[in-house]
Amino acid sequence: MAFTVERIRAEVADLLGEDPADIPPDENLVDWGLDSVRLMVLAERWRADGAEVSFPQLAERPAVAAWAELLGAS
């Protein structure tokens, strides 16, 4: 499955119990309640889908836009 900004936003929103449209692309997701456990879930899920991404990479810049760049999202 291809990585898109919409997919990343939707998966983050699902973990946080938010509407995807409410998740800003450049805002720090830790401020939205994203914790290390949820971050590990995302890293594992995305690795299972073929992404070469690690927990530290995601934790370094916890924002949808940063992750889209990291994942080569279209």
N, C-alpha and C. Protein backbone atom coordinates (compact mmCIF):
# COMPACT_ATOMS: atom_id res chain seq x y z
N MET A 1 0.85 -1.18 0.00
CA MET A 1 0.00 0.00 0.00
C MET A 1 0.89 1.25 0.00
N ALA A 2 0.60 2.18 -0.86
CA ALA A 2 1.40 3.39 -0.98
C ALA A 2 1.17 4.33 0.20
N PHE A 3 2.20 5.07 0.51
CA PHE A 3 2.08 6.05 1.58
C PHE A 3 1.68 7.39 0.99
N THR A 4 0.63 7.96 1.55
CA THR A 4 0.17 9.29 1.16
C THR A 4 -0.02 10.11 2.43
N VAL A 5 -0.05 11.40 2.27
CA VAL A 5 -0.31 12.27 3.42
C VAL A 5 -1.65 11.90 4.05
N GLU A 6 -2.63 11.61 3.22
CA GLU A 6 -3.96 11.26 3.73
C GLU A 6 -3.92 9.99 4.56
N ARG A 7 -3.17 9.00 4.07
CA ARG A 7 -3.06 7.74 4.81
C ARG A 7 -2.37 7.97 6.15
N ILE A 8 -1.27 8.68 6.14
CA ILE A 8 -0.53 8.95 7.38
C ILE A 8 -1.43 9.67 8.37
N ARG A 9 -2.09 10.70 7.90
CA ARG A 9 -3.00 11.48 8.76
C ARG A 9 -4.12 10.61 9.30
N ALA A 10 -4.69 9.75 8.46
CA ALA A 10 -5.80 8.88 8.88
C ALA A 10 -5.34 7.88 9.95
N GLU A 11 -4.15 7.32 9.77
CA GLU A 11 -3.66 6.34 10.74
C GLU A 11 -3.33 7.00 12.08
N VAL A 12 -2.76 8.18 12.02
CA VAL A 12 -2.48 8.93 13.24
C VAL A 12 -3.79 9.30 13.94
N ALA A 13 -4.74 9.81 13.19
CA ALA A 13 -6.03 10.21 13.76
C ALA A 13 -6.73 9.03 14.40
N ASP A 14 -6.65 7.86 13.76
CA ASP A 14 -7.28 6.66 14.31
C ASP A 14 -6.68 6.32 15.68
N LEU A 15 -5.36 6.38 15.79
CA LEU A 15 -4.70 6.07 17.06
C LEU A 15 -5.03 7.09 18.14
N LEU A 16 -5.26 8.32 17.73
CA LEU A 16 -5.53 9.39 18.70
C LEU A 16 -7.03 9.61 18.96
N GLY A 17 -7.88 8.92 18.20
CA GLY A 17 -9.31 9.11 18.37
C GLY A 17 -9.78 10.46 17.87
N GLU A 18 -9.13 10.96 16.83
CA GLU A 18 -9.45 12.28 16.26
C GLU A 18 -9.95 12.12 14.84
N ASP A 19 -10.53 13.19 14.31
CA ASP A 19 -10.92 13.23 12.90
C ASP A 19 -9.66 13.56 12.10
N PRO A 20 -9.38 12.82 11.02
CA PRO A 20 -8.18 13.10 10.23
C PRO A 20 -8.08 14.55 9.77
N ALA A 21 -9.19 15.17 9.47
CA ALA A 21 -9.18 16.57 9.00
C ALA A 21 -8.71 17.53 10.09
N ASP A 22 -8.78 17.11 11.34
CA ASP A 22 -8.38 17.97 12.45
C ASP A 22 -6.88 17.90 12.75
N ILE A 23 -6.19 16.93 12.17
CA ILE A 23 -4.76 16.75 12.44
C ILE A 23 -3.96 17.66 11.49
N PRO A 24 -3.31 18.70 12.01
CA PRO A 24 -2.54 19.60 11.17
C PRO A 24 -1.24 18.93 10.70
N PRO A 25 -0.83 19.19 9.47
CA PRO A 25 0.34 18.50 8.94
C PRO A 25 1.66 18.87 9.62
N ASP A 26 1.78 20.08 10.12
CA ASP A 26 3.06 20.52 10.65
C ASP A 26 3.11 20.62 12.17
N GLU A 27 2.08 20.19 12.84
CA GLU A 27 2.04 20.32 14.29
C GLU A 27 2.66 19.10 14.97
N ASN A 28 3.34 19.33 16.08
CA ASN A 28 3.95 18.26 16.86
C ASN A 28 2.86 17.35 17.40
N LEU A 29 2.90 16.09 16.98
CA LEU A 29 1.84 15.15 17.36
C LEU A 29 1.91 14.73 18.83
N VAL A 30 3.03 14.95 19.48
CA VAL A 30 3.12 14.69 20.91
C VAL A 30 2.14 15.61 21.65
N ASP A 31 2.01 16.84 21.14
CA ASP A 31 1.06 17.79 21.73
C ASP A 31 -0.39 17.32 21.56
N TRP A 32 -0.63 16.42 20.64
CA TRP A 32 -1.96 15.88 20.39
C TRP A 32 -2.20 14.59 21.18
N GLY A 33 -1.18 14.16 21.94
CA GLY A 33 -1.34 12.96 22.76
C GLY A 33 -0.65 11.72 22.22
N LEU A 34 0.13 11.87 21.16
CA LEU A 34 0.84 10.72 20.62
C LEU A 34 1.97 10.35 21.58
N ASP A 35 1.91 9.13 22.10
CA ASP A 35 2.93 8.69 23.04
C ASP A 35 3.83 7.65 22.37
N SER A 36 4.83 7.20 23.10
CA SER A 36 5.82 6.29 22.53
C SER A 36 5.21 4.95 22.10
N VAL A 37 4.23 4.48 22.83
CA VAL A 37 3.60 3.21 22.47
C VAL A 37 2.89 3.34 21.12
N ARG A 38 2.13 4.39 20.95
CA ARG A 38 1.44 4.61 19.67
C ARG A 38 2.44 4.83 18.54
N LEU A 39 3.53 5.50 18.85
CA LEU A 39 4.57 5.74 17.85
C LEU A 39 5.19 4.41 17.41
N MET A 40 5.40 3.50 18.35
CA MET A 40 5.93 2.17 18.01
C MET A 40 4.93 1.40 17.14
N VAL A 41 3.66 1.55 17.44
CA VAL A 41 2.63 0.89 16.62
C VAL A 41 2.72 1.37 15.18
N LEU A 42 2.84 2.68 14.99
CA LEU A 42 2.96 3.22 13.63
C LEU A 42 4.22 2.71 12.94
N ALA A 43 5.34 2.75 13.64
CA ALA A 43 6.60 2.30 13.04
C ALA A 43 6.50 0.83 12.61
N GLU A 44 5.95 -0.01 13.46
CA GLU A 44 5.80 -1.43 13.13
C GLU A 44 4.85 -1.63 11.96
N ARG A 45 3.73 -0.93 11.97
CA ARG A 45 2.73 -1.05 10.91
C ARG A 45 3.34 -0.64 9.57
N TRP A 46 4.06 0.47 9.57
CA TRP A 46 4.63 0.98 8.33
C TRP A 46 5.79 0.11 7.84
N ARG A 47 6.57 -0.44 8.76
CA ARG A 47 7.63 -1.38 8.34
C ARG A 47 7.01 -2.62 7.71
N ALA A 48 5.91 -3.10 8.28
CA ALA A 48 5.22 -4.26 7.73
C ALA A 48 4.72 -3.99 6.31
N ASP A 49 4.47 -2.72 6.01
CA ASP A 49 4.02 -2.33 4.67
C ASP A 49 5.18 -1.92 3.76
N GLY A 50 6.41 -2.20 4.21
CA GLY A 50 7.57 -2.00 3.35
C GLY A 50 8.38 -0.73 3.58
N ALA A 51 7.99 0.09 4.53
CA ALA A 51 8.73 1.33 4.78
C ALA A 51 10.00 1.01 5.57
N GLU A 52 11.05 1.70 5.23
CA GLU A 52 12.29 1.59 6.00
C GLU A 52 12.33 2.77 6.96
N VAL A 53 11.65 2.58 8.08
CA VAL A 53 11.50 3.66 9.05
C VAL A 53 11.67 3.08 10.45
N SER A 54 12.24 3.87 11.34
CA SER A 54 12.47 3.40 12.70
C SER A 54 11.75 4.31 13.70
N PHE A 55 11.59 3.77 14.89
CA PHE A 55 10.99 4.55 15.96
C PHE A 55 11.75 5.86 16.19
N PRO A 56 13.10 5.84 16.29
CA PRO A 56 13.82 7.10 16.51
C PRO A 56 13.60 8.12 15.39
N GLN A 57 13.51 7.66 14.16
CA GLN A 57 13.26 8.59 13.05
C GLN A 57 11.91 9.27 13.20
N LEU A 58 10.90 8.52 13.57
CA LEU A 58 9.57 9.10 13.75
C LEU A 58 9.54 10.02 14.96
N ALA A 59 10.22 9.62 16.03
CA ALA A 59 10.21 10.40 17.26
C ALA A 59 10.97 11.72 17.11
N GLU A 60 11.94 11.74 16.21
CA GLU A 60 12.75 12.94 16.01
C GLU A 60 11.93 14.11 15.49
N ARG A 61 11.00 13.82 14.60
CA ARG A 61 10.16 14.87 14.00
C ARG A 61 8.72 14.37 13.94
N PRO A 62 7.99 14.43 15.06
CA PRO A 62 6.64 13.86 15.12
C PRO A 62 5.57 14.76 14.52
N ALA A 63 5.56 14.81 13.19
CA ALA A 63 4.56 15.60 12.47
C ALA A 63 4.22 14.88 11.17
N VAL A 64 2.99 15.00 10.74
CA VAL A 64 2.53 14.33 9.52
C VAL A 64 3.40 14.72 8.33
N ALA A 65 3.69 16.00 8.16
CA ALA A 65 4.47 16.46 7.01
C ALA A 65 5.88 15.86 7.03
N ALA A 66 6.50 15.80 8.20
CA ALA A 66 7.84 15.23 8.32
C ALA A 66 7.82 13.74 7.99
N TRP A 67 6.81 13.06 8.47
CA TRP A 67 6.71 11.62 8.19
C TRP A 67 6.40 11.36 6.74
N ALA A 68 5.61 12.22 6.12
CA ALA A 68 5.31 12.07 4.69
C ALA A 68 6.60 12.15 3.89
N GLU A 69 7.45 13.10 4.25
CA GLU A 69 8.75 13.24 3.58
C GLU A 69 9.61 11.99 3.81
N LEU A 70 9.66 11.54 5.04
CA LEU A 70 10.45 10.36 5.42
C LEU A 70 9.98 9.11 4.67
N LEU A 71 8.68 8.97 4.52
CA LEU A 71 8.10 7.79 3.88
C LEU A 71 7.99 7.92 2.36
N GLY A 72 8.37 9.07 1.82
CA GLY A 72 8.26 9.27 0.38
C GLY A 72 6.81 9.32 -0.08
N ALA A 73 5.97 9.87 0.76
CA ALA A 73 4.52 9.91 0.46
C ALA A 73 4.23 10.82 -0.72
N SER A 74 3.22 10.44 -1.46
CA SER A 74 2.80 11.26 -2.60
C SER A 74 1.63 12.14 -2.22
